[in-house]
């Protein structure tokens, strides 16, 4: 990505607008939200492994 930046102070309003658009569409999750999500995926993965091995019957 070693390209140089090619924007001026005149472009800052457009850059700010794009930042707002991106943050609205892809909000930054809090540390707690990320931890809950990782835990949920881990638990689901363990449950899937158990279902695949036959130790737990799927509901």
N, C-alpha and C. Protein backbone atom coordinates (compact mmCIF):
# COMPACT_ATOMS: atom_id res chain seq x y z
N UNK A 1 0.82 -1.20 0.00
CA UNK A 1 0.00 0.00 0.00
C UNK A 1 0.86 1.25 0.00
N UNK A 2 2.04 1.22 -0.35
CA UNK A 2 2.97 2.32 -0.23
C UNK A 2 2.65 3.56 -1.04
N UNK A 3 1.42 3.74 -1.49
CA UNK A 3 1.06 4.93 -2.27
C UNK A 3 0.99 6.16 -1.37
N UNK A 4 1.28 7.31 -1.96
CA UNK A 4 1.19 8.55 -1.20
C UNK A 4 -0.25 9.06 -1.21
N UNK A 5 -0.58 9.87 -0.23
CA UNK A 5 -1.92 10.45 -0.16
C UNK A 5 -2.02 11.59 -1.14
N UNK A 6 -3.16 11.69 -1.79
CA UNK A 6 -3.36 12.75 -2.77
C UNK A 6 -4.66 13.47 -2.46
N UNK A 7 -4.69 14.21 -1.34
CA UNK A 7 -5.85 15.01 -1.01
C UNK A 7 -5.40 16.30 -0.35
N UNK A 8 -6.27 17.28 -0.41
CA UNK A 8 -5.95 18.59 0.15
C UNK A 8 -6.96 18.95 1.23
N UNK A 9 -6.78 20.11 1.82
CA UNK A 9 -7.70 20.59 2.85
C UNK A 9 -9.10 20.75 2.28
N UNK A 10 -9.20 21.01 0.99
CA UNK A 10 -10.51 21.15 0.35
C UNK A 10 -11.29 19.83 0.36
N UNK A 11 -10.57 18.72 0.41
CA UNK A 11 -11.21 17.41 0.38
C UNK A 11 -11.68 16.94 1.75
N UNK A 12 -11.33 17.65 2.81
CA UNK A 12 -11.63 17.18 4.16
C UNK A 12 -13.12 17.02 4.43
N UNK A 13 -13.96 17.87 3.87
CA UNK A 13 -15.41 17.73 4.12
C UNK A 13 -15.92 16.42 3.54
N UNK A 14 -15.44 16.06 2.35
CA UNK A 14 -15.85 14.78 1.75
C UNK A 14 -15.31 13.60 2.55
N UNK A 15 -14.09 13.71 3.01
CA UNK A 15 -13.49 12.63 3.81
C UNK A 15 -14.26 12.46 5.11
N UNK A 16 -14.60 13.55 5.77
CA UNK A 16 -15.39 13.48 7.01
C UNK A 16 -16.75 12.85 6.74
N UNK A 17 -17.38 13.25 5.63
CA UNK A 17 -18.69 12.70 5.28
C UNK A 17 -18.58 11.18 5.10
N UNK A 18 -17.56 10.72 4.37
CA UNK A 18 -17.38 9.29 4.16
C UNK A 18 -17.13 8.57 5.49
N UNK A 19 -16.39 9.20 6.38
CA UNK A 19 -16.15 8.59 7.71
C UNK A 19 -17.47 8.40 8.44
N UNK A 20 -18.33 9.40 8.40
CA UNK A 20 -19.64 9.30 9.07
C UNK A 20 -20.47 8.19 8.43
N UNK A 21 -20.49 8.14 7.11
CA UNK A 21 -21.25 7.10 6.41
C UNK A 21 -20.75 5.72 6.81
N UNK A 22 -19.44 5.53 6.82
CA UNK A 22 -18.88 4.23 7.17
C UNK A 22 -19.18 3.86 8.62
N UNK A 23 -19.06 4.82 9.53
CA UNK A 23 -19.32 4.52 10.94
C UNK A 23 -20.79 4.22 11.20
N UNK A 24 -21.68 4.84 10.44
CA UNK A 24 -23.11 4.53 10.59
C UNK A 24 -23.43 3.13 10.06
N UNK A 25 -22.81 2.77 8.96
CA UNK A 25 -23.09 1.47 8.34
C UNK A 25 -22.31 0.32 8.98
N UNK A 26 -21.15 0.63 9.53
CA UNK A 26 -20.29 -0.39 10.15
C UNK A 26 -19.82 0.13 11.50
N UNK A 27 -20.73 0.16 12.49
CA UNK A 27 -20.38 0.75 13.78
C UNK A 27 -19.26 -0.03 14.48
N UNK A 28 -18.45 0.71 15.21
CA UNK A 28 -17.36 0.12 15.97
C UNK A 28 -17.95 -0.50 17.23
N UNK A 29 -17.67 -1.77 17.45
CA UNK A 29 -18.21 -2.47 18.61
C UNK A 29 -17.32 -2.21 19.82
N UNK A 30 -17.96 -2.20 20.98
CA UNK A 30 -17.20 -2.02 22.22
C UNK A 30 -16.43 -3.29 22.53
N UNK A 31 -15.48 -3.19 23.43
CA UNK A 31 -14.69 -4.35 23.83
C UNK A 31 -15.60 -5.44 24.40
N UNK A 32 -16.61 -5.03 25.17
CA UNK A 32 -17.53 -6.01 25.76
C UNK A 32 -18.33 -6.73 24.68
N UNK A 33 -18.78 -5.98 23.67
CA UNK A 33 -19.53 -6.61 22.58
C UNK A 33 -18.66 -7.62 21.83
N UNK A 34 -17.41 -7.26 21.59
CA UNK A 34 -16.50 -8.16 20.89
C UNK A 34 -16.24 -9.42 21.72
N UNK A 35 -16.08 -9.26 23.04
CA UNK A 35 -15.86 -10.41 23.91
C UNK A 35 -17.07 -11.33 23.92
N UNK A 36 -18.29 -10.75 24.01
CA UNK A 36 -19.51 -11.56 23.98
C UNK A 36 -19.63 -12.33 22.67
N UNK A 37 -19.29 -11.65 21.58
CA UNK A 37 -19.38 -12.28 20.26
C UNK A 37 -18.39 -13.45 20.15
N UNK A 38 -17.15 -13.24 20.62
CA UNK A 38 -16.16 -14.31 20.59
C UNK A 38 -16.60 -15.50 21.45
N UNK A 39 -17.15 -15.20 22.63
CA UNK A 39 -17.61 -16.27 23.52
C UNK A 39 -18.75 -17.05 22.87
N UNK A 40 -19.71 -16.34 22.24
CA UNK A 40 -20.83 -16.99 21.58
C UNK A 40 -20.34 -17.91 20.46
N UNK A 41 -19.38 -17.42 19.65
CA UNK A 41 -18.84 -18.24 18.57
C UNK A 41 -18.10 -19.46 19.12
N UNK A 42 -17.37 -19.27 20.21
CA UNK A 42 -16.64 -20.38 20.82
C UNK A 42 -17.62 -21.44 21.33
N UNK A 43 -18.68 -21.01 22.02
CA UNK A 43 -19.68 -21.94 22.54
C UNK A 43 -20.38 -22.66 21.40
N UNK A 44 -20.74 -21.93 20.34
CA UNK A 44 -21.38 -22.56 19.19
C UNK A 44 -20.46 -23.57 18.53
N UNK A 45 -19.17 -23.25 18.46
CA UNK A 45 -18.19 -24.17 17.87
C UNK A 45 -18.07 -25.44 18.67
N UNK A 46 -18.04 -25.31 20.00
CA UNK A 46 -17.96 -26.49 20.87
C UNK A 46 -19.21 -27.34 20.71
N UNK A 47 -20.38 -26.70 20.67
CA UNK A 47 -21.64 -27.44 20.50
C UNK A 47 -21.66 -28.16 19.15
N UNK A 48 -21.15 -27.51 18.11
CA UNK A 48 -21.12 -28.13 16.79
C UNK A 48 -20.18 -29.33 16.78
N UNK A 49 -19.03 -29.21 17.45
CA UNK A 49 -18.10 -30.33 17.53
C UNK A 49 -18.73 -31.51 18.25
N UNK A 50 -19.45 -31.23 19.34
CA UNK A 50 -20.10 -32.31 20.08
C UNK A 50 -21.19 -32.97 19.25
N UNK A 51 -21.93 -32.17 18.50
CA UNK A 51 -22.99 -32.73 17.65
C UNK A 51 -22.37 -33.60 16.55
N UNK A 52 -21.23 -33.14 16.00
CA UNK A 52 -20.56 -33.92 14.96
C UNK A 52 -20.01 -35.24 15.49
N UNK A 53 -19.55 -35.23 16.75
CA UNK A 53 -18.97 -36.45 17.31
C UNK A 53 -20.03 -37.39 17.86
N UNK A 54 -21.28 -36.90 17.96
CA UNK A 54 -22.37 -37.75 18.41
C UNK A 54 -22.56 -37.77 19.91
N UNK A 55 -21.82 -36.95 20.65
CA UNK A 55 -21.99 -36.96 22.11
C UNK A 55 -23.24 -36.22 22.53
N UNK A 56 -23.70 -35.30 21.71
CA UNK A 56 -24.93 -34.55 22.01
C UNK A 56 -25.82 -34.62 20.79
N UNK A 57 -27.06 -34.95 21.00
CA UNK A 57 -28.00 -35.01 19.88
C UNK A 57 -28.51 -33.61 19.58
N UNK A 58 -28.54 -33.20 18.32
CA UNK A 58 -29.08 -31.87 17.97
C UNK A 58 -30.56 -31.78 18.32
N UNK A 59 -31.00 -30.60 18.68
CA UNK A 59 -32.40 -30.39 19.08
C UNK A 59 -33.24 -29.99 17.90
